[in-house]
């Protein structure tokens, strides 16, 4: 009987019906899978929106559950970080210096150009370097005075380093980026130490982070004589967002061991006091605390940021050992049409910081009383126009040097910055 049915073609008919049922089941399962994926994406978007309202940072994309894709869909290609990264900037600046007591007024122009690159040899090792304009013997500045009968500009190498990556830990060697959270009170923004540094950052739940940074700085090595070195550590904490508010706190200890000033010049000791034999009068063991508070507010274009810096030199020979500064800013300068306003006040004693590596924006290295007002505007992407007014005078008349003790000095700068 079965042979007869098979001979009549009934068995193949049953097989075709069974195949059709299987196809329908597969299509139904795929439709159900697509519906689940869509519901999962909608749920994730709702969670992120609620987290944003609470000020809680959303988890990283790689930690979020992946959406279920249909079986037939091909996996999306993951973008890879470029091995070679190039960046740079060009700044054109006009400057005016004025005195209340009818001193010599001066107008001048400066130029700064920087070109840097990093290259990732592999996941573990990156090398970096940067060439800049400016005097190679002045670590505090990369500006070139436009003058000297059209002489060619000086160019130097201010970064050349290897970076080792160990997850949350990065180790640097060479002429390296400054690893510390800083302000110009203690570390001028152009100073890049020579030696070995490390930066560790541990992300915490909710979007905060713990930081630990270290540096061994080879300040000056002598063939025949004592070397000058510096060792420092800094610990920090970055808070998560609390309804638009965030804060950060950093505490550091920097110990300098200046063996001699044989390899230094007047631009290195600057206004710090010296002994009759030419050595520094004070030791420099700096305790530095930097605190910041930010508030995003309702409008992303107008965040508020307050930063305070307090430093005390435990190695000073007397009470000329303290400095502090506060900066308050309103706005941002990251997108076209942005405005930012900043007011800063700072004051230092003559031996509060090592002047060789501190603030170089005004004509007094230490022992100053300073007000600063800054206006930044972003007219186009990757550009910025800034105007800065520094109003300052010597803090303690006893250490005014060549400056008149009660003479308020003014420095006005206007510059145009282009970067890529």
Protein backbone atom coordinates (compact mmCIF):
# COMPACT_ATOMS: atom_id res chain seq x y z
CA UNK A 1 0.00 0.00 0.00
CA UNK A 2 2.78 2.42 0.97
CA UNK A 3 4.60 1.54 -2.18
CA UNK A 4 1.48 2.31 -4.10
CA UNK A 5 1.08 5.71 -2.43
CA UNK A 6 4.68 6.55 -3.06
CA UNK A 7 4.25 5.57 -6.61
CA UNK A 8 1.34 7.94 -6.94
CA UNK A 9 3.43 10.91 -5.61
CA UNK A 10 1.55 11.29 -2.33
CA UNK A 11 4.72 11.00 -0.15
CA UNK A 12 6.44 14.02 -1.79
CA UNK A 13 3.29 16.06 -1.22
CA UNK A 14 3.41 15.33 2.49
CA UNK A 15 7.12 16.38 2.56
CA UNK A 16 6.37 19.70 0.83
CA UNK A 17 3.62 20.48 3.36
CA UNK A 18 5.99 19.75 6.24
CA UNK A 19 8.69 22.03 4.72
CA UNK A 20 6.17 24.85 4.33
CA UNK A 21 5.22 24.58 8.01
CA UNK A 22 8.88 24.78 9.05
CA UNK A 23 9.45 27.87 6.92
CA UNK A 24 6.44 29.56 8.51
CA UNK A 25 7.74 28.73 11.99
CA UNK A 26 11.18 30.17 11.18
CA UNK A 27 9.63 33.37 9.80
CA UNK A 28 7.44 33.71 12.91
CA UNK A 29 10.46 33.25 15.19
CA UNK A 30 12.46 35.85 13.24
CA UNK A 31 9.59 38.33 13.45
CA UNK A 32 9.36 37.70 17.20
CA UNK A 33 13.15 38.16 17.51
CA UNK A 34 13.01 41.50 15.68
CA UNK A 35 10.15 42.65 17.92
CA UNK A 36 12.14 41.75 21.07
CA UNK A 37 15.17 43.66 19.73
CA UNK A 38 13.05 46.76 19.07
CA UNK A 39 11.50 46.59 22.55
CA UNK A 40 14.98 46.23 24.10
CA UNK A 41 16.27 49.30 22.26
CA UNK A 42 13.25 51.34 23.37
CA UNK A 43 13.75 50.22 26.98
CA UNK A 44 17.46 51.16 26.89
CA UNK A 45 16.62 54.62 25.52
CA UNK A 46 14.06 55.16 28.30
CA UNK A 47 16.59 54.12 30.97
CA UNK A 48 19.21 56.55 29.63
CA UNK A 49 16.67 59.39 29.55
CA UNK A 50 15.75 58.76 33.21
CA UNK A 51 19.45 58.56 34.18
CA UNK A 52 20.08 61.89 32.46
CA UNK A 53 17.29 63.53 34.49
CA UNK A 54 18.82 62.16 37.70
CA UNK A 55 22.31 63.33 36.70
CA UNK A 56 23.62 59.75 36.73
CA UNK A 57 26.17 58.83 34.08
CA UNK A 58 24.98 56.12 31.72
CA UNK A 59 27.09 52.95 31.53
CA UNK A 60 29.60 52.71 28.70
CA UNK A 61 28.26 51.39 25.46
CA UNK A 62 30.29 48.22 25.76
CA UNK A 63 28.76 47.49 29.18
CA UNK A 64 25.17 47.90 27.96
CA UNK A 65 23.29 44.75 26.87
CA UNK A 66 23.61 44.29 23.13
CA UNK A 67 20.42 44.41 21.08
CA UNK A 68 19.36 41.04 19.65
CA UNK A 69 19.81 41.08 15.90
CA UNK A 70 18.07 38.85 13.35
CA UNK A 71 20.06 35.76 12.51
CA UNK A 72 20.45 36.85 8.92
CA UNK A 73 21.95 40.27 9.86
CA UNK A 74 25.72 40.59 9.41
CA UNK A 75 27.71 41.94 12.41
CA UNK A 76 28.55 45.64 12.15
CA UNK A 77 32.21 46.48 11.62
CA UNK A 78 33.83 48.07 14.69
CA UNK A 79 35.73 51.32 13.96
CA UNK A 80 39.39 51.12 14.92
CA UNK A 81 41.41 53.87 16.54
CA UNK A 82 43.91 55.34 14.08
CA UNK A 83 47.49 54.44 14.93
CA UNK A 84 48.83 57.87 13.92
CA UNK A 85 47.25 61.00 15.40
CA UNK A 86 48.45 64.49 14.42
CA UNK A 87 47.46 67.75 16.10
CA UNK A 88 48.66 71.32 16.26
CA UNK A 89 47.83 74.98 16.62
CA UNK A 90 48.88 78.46 15.56
CA UNK A 91 48.39 81.54 17.76
CA UNK A 92 48.86 85.17 16.72
CA UNK A 93 48.96 87.63 19.64
CA UNK A 94 49.22 91.38 20.24
CA UNK A 95 50.35 92.59 23.68
CA UNK A 96 50.49 95.91 25.49
CA UNK A 97 52.34 96.59 28.78
CA UNK A 98 51.52 99.71 30.79
CA UNK A 99 52.52 101.30 34.11
CA UNK A 100 50.51 103.52 36.48
CA UNK A 101 53.61 105.52 37.41
CA UNK A 102 54.43 106.63 33.89
CA UNK A 103 56.96 103.87 33.35
CA UNK A 104 58.00 102.77 29.89
CA UNK A 105 54.95 101.49 28.01
CA UNK A 106 55.43 98.87 25.32
CA UNK A 107 53.48 97.19 22.52
CA UNK A 108 54.62 93.96 20.91
CA UNK A 109 53.43 90.96 18.91
CA UNK A 110 54.10 87.25 19.40
CA UNK A 111 53.58 84.04 17.46
CA UNK A 112 53.30 80.47 18.68
CA UNK A 113 53.13 77.35 16.50
CA UNK A 114 52.98 73.74 17.69
CA UNK A 115 52.83 70.46 15.77
CA UNK A 116 52.56 67.16 17.60
CA UNK A 117 51.94 63.50 16.84
CA UNK A 118 51.43 60.17 18.58
CA UNK A 119 51.78 56.72 17.05
CA UNK A 120 50.48 53.51 18.59
CA UNK A 121 53.02 50.77 17.89
CA UNK A 122 50.63 48.24 19.43
CA UNK A 123 48.02 48.05 22.18
CA UNK A 124 50.74 48.49 24.82
CA UNK A 125 53.23 51.04 23.44
CA UNK A 126 52.68 54.57 22.08
CA UNK A 127 55.33 57.11 21.15
CA UNK A 128 54.74 60.87 20.99
CA UNK A 129 56.52 64.08 20.14
CA UNK A 130 55.93 67.77 19.46
CA UNK A 131 57.90 70.61 17.90
CA UNK A 132 57.18 74.20 18.96
CA UNK A 133 58.39 77.69 18.31
CA UNK A 134 60.23 79.55 21.07
CA UNK A 135 63.54 79.59 22.88
CA UNK A 136 64.63 76.06 23.72
CA UNK A 137 66.31 77.40 26.88
CA UNK A 138 63.00 78.74 28.26
CA UNK A 139 60.68 75.93 29.43
CA UNK A 140 57.94 78.42 30.48
CA UNK A 141 57.14 79.80 27.05
CA UNK A 142 56.79 78.72 23.42
CA UNK A 143 56.07 82.24 22.11
CA UNK A 144 58.35 84.02 19.67
CA UNK A 145 58.71 87.80 19.71
CA UNK A 146 58.17 89.15 16.16
CA UNK A 147 61.25 91.35 15.95
CA UNK A 148 65.02 91.14 15.36
CA UNK A 149 65.10 92.35 11.77
CA UNK A 150 63.08 89.45 10.42
CA UNK A 151 65.33 86.70 11.78
CA UNK A 152 64.07 83.15 11.28
CA UNK A 153 62.01 81.69 14.10
CA UNK A 154 63.53 79.37 16.68
CA UNK A 155 62.05 75.88 16.90
CA UNK A 156 62.60 73.25 19.57
CA UNK A 157 61.36 69.80 20.60
CA UNK A 158 59.25 70.18 23.75
CA UNK A 159 57.80 66.62 23.85
CA UNK A 160 59.51 63.32 23.02
CA UNK A 161 58.33 60.33 25.00
CA UNK A 162 57.29 56.69 25.14
CA UNK A 163 53.98 55.72 26.76
CA UNK A 164 53.25 52.25 28.13
CA UNK A 165 49.59 51.32 28.59
CA UNK A 166 48.50 48.88 31.28
CA UNK A 167 44.73 49.29 31.36
CA UNK A 168 43.99 52.08 33.87
CA UNK A 169 47.73 52.79 34.30
CA UNK A 170 49.87 54.78 31.87
CA UNK A 171 53.64 55.12 32.33
CA UNK A 172 55.69 57.78 30.51
CA UNK A 173 59.40 58.26 29.91
CA UNK A 174 61.37 61.04 28.19
CA UNK A 175 60.29 64.66 27.89
CA UNK A 176 56.72 64.00 28.91
CA UNK A 177 53.37 65.75 29.33
CA UNK A 178 52.86 67.05 32.87
CA UNK A 179 50.90 64.30 34.68
CA UNK A 180 49.50 66.55 37.43
CA UNK A 181 46.21 68.41 37.73
CA UNK A 182 47.51 71.99 37.86
CA UNK A 183 47.03 75.73 37.55
CA UNK A 184 49.59 78.35 36.51
CA UNK A 185 50.18 79.18 40.17
CA UNK A 186 52.52 76.18 40.56
CA UNK A 187 53.02 74.78 37.04
CA UNK A 188 53.10 77.01 33.96
CA UNK A 189 51.15 75.42 31.11
CA UNK A 190 54.20 75.27 28.82
CA UNK A 191 56.37 73.23 31.22
CA UNK A 192 56.87 69.57 30.19
CA UNK A 193 59.11 67.68 32.65
CA UNK A 194 62.01 65.41 31.72
CA UNK A 195 62.06 62.04 33.44
CA UNK A 196 59.57 59.32 34.28
CA UNK A 197 55.87 59.78 35.09
CA UNK A 198 52.81 57.67 35.74
CA UNK A 199 49.06 58.33 35.65
CA UNK A 200 46.50 55.93 37.13
CA UNK A 201 42.75 56.44 36.85
CA UNK A 202 40.17 54.08 38.33
CA UNK A 203 36.57 54.65 37.19
CA UNK A 204 34.03 54.38 40.03
CA UNK A 205 30.36 53.52 40.07
CA UNK A 206 28.09 56.40 39.06
CA UNK A 207 30.64 58.15 36.84
CA UNK A 208 33.27 59.23 39.38
CA UNK A 209 36.97 58.34 39.31
CA UNK A 210 39.99 58.01 41.57
CA UNK A 211 43.34 59.33 40.29
CA UNK A 212 46.97 58.84 41.32
CA UNK A 213 49.89 60.51 39.49
CA UNK A 214 53.63 60.41 40.06
CA UNK A 215 56.72 62.07 38.60
CA UNK A 216 60.49 61.82 38.90
CA UNK A 217 61.87 64.96 37.23
CA UNK A 218 65.53 65.13 36.18
CA UNK A 219 65.92 68.91 36.51
CA UNK A 220 69.70 69.16 35.96
CA UNK A 221 72.42 66.50 35.76
CA UNK A 222 76.05 67.50 36.31
CA UNK A 223 79.12 65.60 35.13
CA UNK A 224 81.13 66.75 38.15
CA UNK A 225 78.83 67.95 40.92
CA UNK A 226 75.49 67.31 42.58
CA UNK A 227 72.44 66.71 40.41
CA UNK A 228 69.13 68.59 40.71
CA UNK A 229 66.00 66.44 40.80
CA UNK A 230 62.36 66.54 41.80
CA UNK A 231 59.98 63.82 42.98
CA UNK A 232 56.24 64.31 43.32
CA UNK A 233 52.95 62.50 43.84
CA UNK A 234 49.34 63.61 43.54
CA UNK A 235 46.09 61.90 44.47
CA UNK A 236 42.70 63.02 43.19
CA UNK A 237 38.99 62.29 43.07
CA UNK A 238 36.43 63.21 40.42
CA UNK A 239 32.83 63.07 41.59
CA UNK A 240 29.84 61.80 39.62
CA UNK A 241 27.18 64.33 38.63
CA UNK A 242 24.69 65.38 41.30
CA UNK A 243 21.84 67.10 39.50
CA UNK A 244 24.24 68.99 37.25
CA UNK A 245 26.90 69.60 39.95
CA UNK A 246 30.31 67.95 39.84
CA UNK A 247 33.44 68.50 41.90
CA UNK A 248 37.06 67.37 41.83
CA UNK A 249 39.81 67.44 44.42
CA UNK A 250 43.58 66.93 43.99
CA UNK A 251 46.33 66.96 46.59
CA UNK A 252 50.03 66.82 45.73
CA UNK A 253 53.48 66.90 47.31
CA UNK A 254 56.48 68.02 45.22
CA UNK A 255 60.00 67.87 46.66
CA UNK A 256 62.84 69.57 44.77
CA UNK A 257 66.46 68.71 45.47
CA UNK A 258 68.49 71.43 43.72
CA UNK A 259 72.10 70.27 43.91
CA UNK A 260 73.40 73.47 42.32
CA UNK A 261 72.44 76.25 39.92
CA UNK A 262 75.43 75.66 37.66
CA UNK A 263 73.24 74.80 34.69
CA UNK A 264 70.64 77.50 35.43
CA UNK A 265 70.34 81.10 34.30
CA UNK A 266 68.34 84.15 35.44
CA UNK A 267 65.25 82.79 33.68
CA UNK A 268 65.36 79.72 35.94
CA UNK A 269 65.72 81.20 39.44
CA UNK A 270 63.82 84.34 38.39
CA UNK A 271 62.50 86.09 41.55
CA UNK A 272 63.27 83.38 44.14
CA UNK A 273 65.71 84.53 46.85
CA UNK A 274 69.32 83.35 46.65
CA UNK A 275 72.21 83.07 49.07
CA UNK A 276 75.41 85.09 48.64
CA UNK A 277 77.05 82.02 47.10
CA UNK A 278 74.38 81.96 44.39
CA UNK A 279 72.34 79.01 45.65
CA UNK A 280 68.63 79.16 46.44
CA UNK A 281 67.91 80.54 49.90
CA UNK A 282 64.93 78.26 50.51
CA UNK A 283 64.32 74.59 49.98
CA UNK A 284 61.23 73.71 47.96
CA UNK A 285 58.87 71.11 49.42
CA UNK A 286 55.47 72.09 48.06
CA UNK A 287 52.12 70.92 49.37
CA UNK A 288 49.55 71.78 46.70
CA UNK A 289 45.76 71.41 46.84
CA UNK A 290 43.57 72.04 43.78
CA UNK A 291 39.74 71.94 44.06
CA UNK A 292 37.12 72.47 41.36
CA UNK A 293 33.35 72.79 41.33
CA UNK A 294 31.21 72.81 38.19
CA UNK A 295 27.52 73.32 37.50
CA UNK A 296 25.98 72.61 34.12
CA UNK A 297 22.67 74.37 34.77
CA UNK A 298 19.71 74.40 32.40
CA UNK A 299 21.63 75.72 29.36
CA UNK A 300 24.57 73.67 28.11
CA UNK A 301 26.20 76.79 26.63
CA UNK A 302 26.57 78.45 30.05
CA UNK A 303 28.24 76.09 32.52
CA UNK A 304 29.80 77.58 35.66
CA UNK A 305 33.23 76.47 36.87
CA UNK A 306 35.19 77.51 39.99
CA UNK A 307 38.79 76.37 40.56
CA UNK A 308 40.90 77.10 43.63
CA UNK A 309 44.61 76.37 44.19
CA UNK A 310 46.49 76.64 47.50
CA UNK A 311 50.22 75.96 47.85
CA UNK A 312 52.56 76.06 50.85
CA UNK A 313 56.33 75.63 50.71
CA UNK A 314 57.38 73.61 53.77
CA UNK A 315 61.04 74.28 52.94
CA UNK A 316 60.94 78.11 53.01
CA UNK A 317 63.38 79.84 55.36
CA UNK A 318 60.64 82.11 56.76
CA UNK A 319 56.94 82.90 56.31
CA UNK A 320 57.34 83.87 52.64
CA UNK A 321 55.93 80.45 51.83
CA UNK A 322 52.30 80.64 50.67
CA UNK A 323 50.34 81.19 47.47
CA UNK A 324 46.73 80.84 46.40
CA UNK A 325 44.49 81.51 43.41
CA UNK A 326 40.81 81.36 42.45
CA UNK A 327 39.29 81.33 38.94
CA UNK A 328 35.57 81.68 38.18
CA UNK A 329 34.32 81.07 34.62
CA UNK A 330 30.93 81.30 32.95
CA UNK A 331 30.25 79.75 29.54
CA UNK A 332 32.20 77.51 27.23
CA UNK A 333 34.43 77.93 24.16
CA UNK A 334 34.12 74.59 22.36
CA UNK A 335 31.50 75.20 19.65
CA UNK A 336 30.83 77.94 17.08
CA UNK A 337 29.17 80.98 18.64
CA UNK A 338 30.26 80.13 22.22
CA UNK A 339 31.31 82.79 24.75
CA UNK A 340 33.25 82.34 28.00
CA UNK A 341 34.03 84.88 30.72
CA UNK A 342 36.68 84.23 33.40
CA UNK A 343 37.87 86.23 36.40
CA UNK A 344 40.91 85.13 38.37
CA UNK A 345 42.70 86.37 41.46
CA UNK A 346 46.02 85.03 42.79
CA UNK A 347 48.70 86.03 45.25
CA UNK A 348 52.07 84.49 46.11
CA UNK A 349 54.92 85.05 48.52
CA UNK A 350 58.41 85.29 47.10
CA UNK A 351 59.42 81.67 47.87
CA UNK A 352 55.97 80.03 47.77
CA UNK A 353 56.79 78.17 44.53
CA UNK A 354 59.85 77.39 42.45
CA UNK A 355 59.76 80.25 39.94
CA UNK A 356 61.63 78.26 37.27
CA UNK A 357 58.45 76.33 36.42
CA UNK A 358 55.60 78.56 37.62
CA UNK A 359 53.43 81.32 36.11
CA UNK A 360 55.05 83.14 33.19
CA UNK A 361 52.09 85.21 32.01
CA UNK A 362 53.08 88.46 33.77
CA UNK A 363 56.30 90.36 34.39
CA UNK A 364 56.66 89.21 38.02
CA UNK A 365 57.49 85.56 38.67
CA UNK A 366 56.55 85.34 42.38
CA UNK A 367 55.61 87.87 45.10
CA UNK A 368 52.70 89.22 43.06
CA UNK A 369 49.13 90.37 43.65
CA UNK A 370 47.22 89.62 40.44
CA UNK A 371 43.77 90.20 38.97
CA UNK A 372 43.00 88.65 35.55
CA UNK A 373 39.94 89.06 33.32
CA UNK A 374 39.51 86.88 30.20
CA UNK A 375 36.96 86.92 27.38
CA UNK A 376 36.88 84.02 24.89
CA UNK A 377 34.78 83.75 21.73
CA UNK A 378 34.58 80.92 19.16
CA UNK A 379 33.74 82.51 15.78
CA UNK A 380 34.22 79.33 13.71
CA UNK A 381 34.97 75.67 14.40
CA UNK A 382 38.55 75.08 15.59
CA UNK A 383 39.21 78.79 16.21
CA UNK A 384 39.07 81.15 19.17
CA UNK A 385 39.50 84.88 19.77
CA UNK A 386 40.58 85.87 23.29
CA UNK A 387 41.25 89.09 25.18
CA UNK A 388 43.03 89.00 28.56
CA UNK A 389 43.73 91.83 31.00
CA UNK A 390 46.28 91.28 33.77
CA UNK A 391 46.34 93.90 36.56
CA UNK A 392 49.13 93.25 39.06
CA UNK A 393 51.78 94.64 41.41
CA UNK A 394 54.40 93.34 43.89
CA UNK A 395 52.83 91.73 46.94
CA UNK A 396 55.53 92.49 49.55
CA UNK A 397 57.43 95.76 48.94
CA UNK A 398 60.55 94.25 50.52
CA UNK A 399 60.94 91.88 47.56
CA UNK A 400 59.76 94.18 44.77
CA UNK A 401 63.16 94.02 43.06
CA UNK A 402 63.32 96.43 40.11
CA UNK A 403 59.55 97.07 40.30
CA UNK A 404 58.13 100.03 42.22
CA UNK A 405 56.30 98.57 45.26
CA UNK A 406 53.03 100.49 44.78
CA UNK A 407 53.00 100.58 40.99
CA UNK A 408 50.08 98.68 39.46
CA UNK A 409 51.13 97.19 36.13
CA UNK A 410 48.81 96.24 33.29
CA UNK A 411 49.29 93.69 30.54
CA UNK A 412 46.65 93.38 27.79
CA UNK A 413 46.68 90.52 25.32
CA UNK A 414 44.48 89.86 22.29
CA UNK A 415 45.03 86.73 20.25
CA UNK A 416 43.58 84.55 17.51
CA UNK A 417 44.00 80.79 17.94
CA UNK A 418 43.59 78.13 15.23
CA UNK A 419 43.92 74.45 16.03
CA UNK A 420 43.45 71.05 14.46
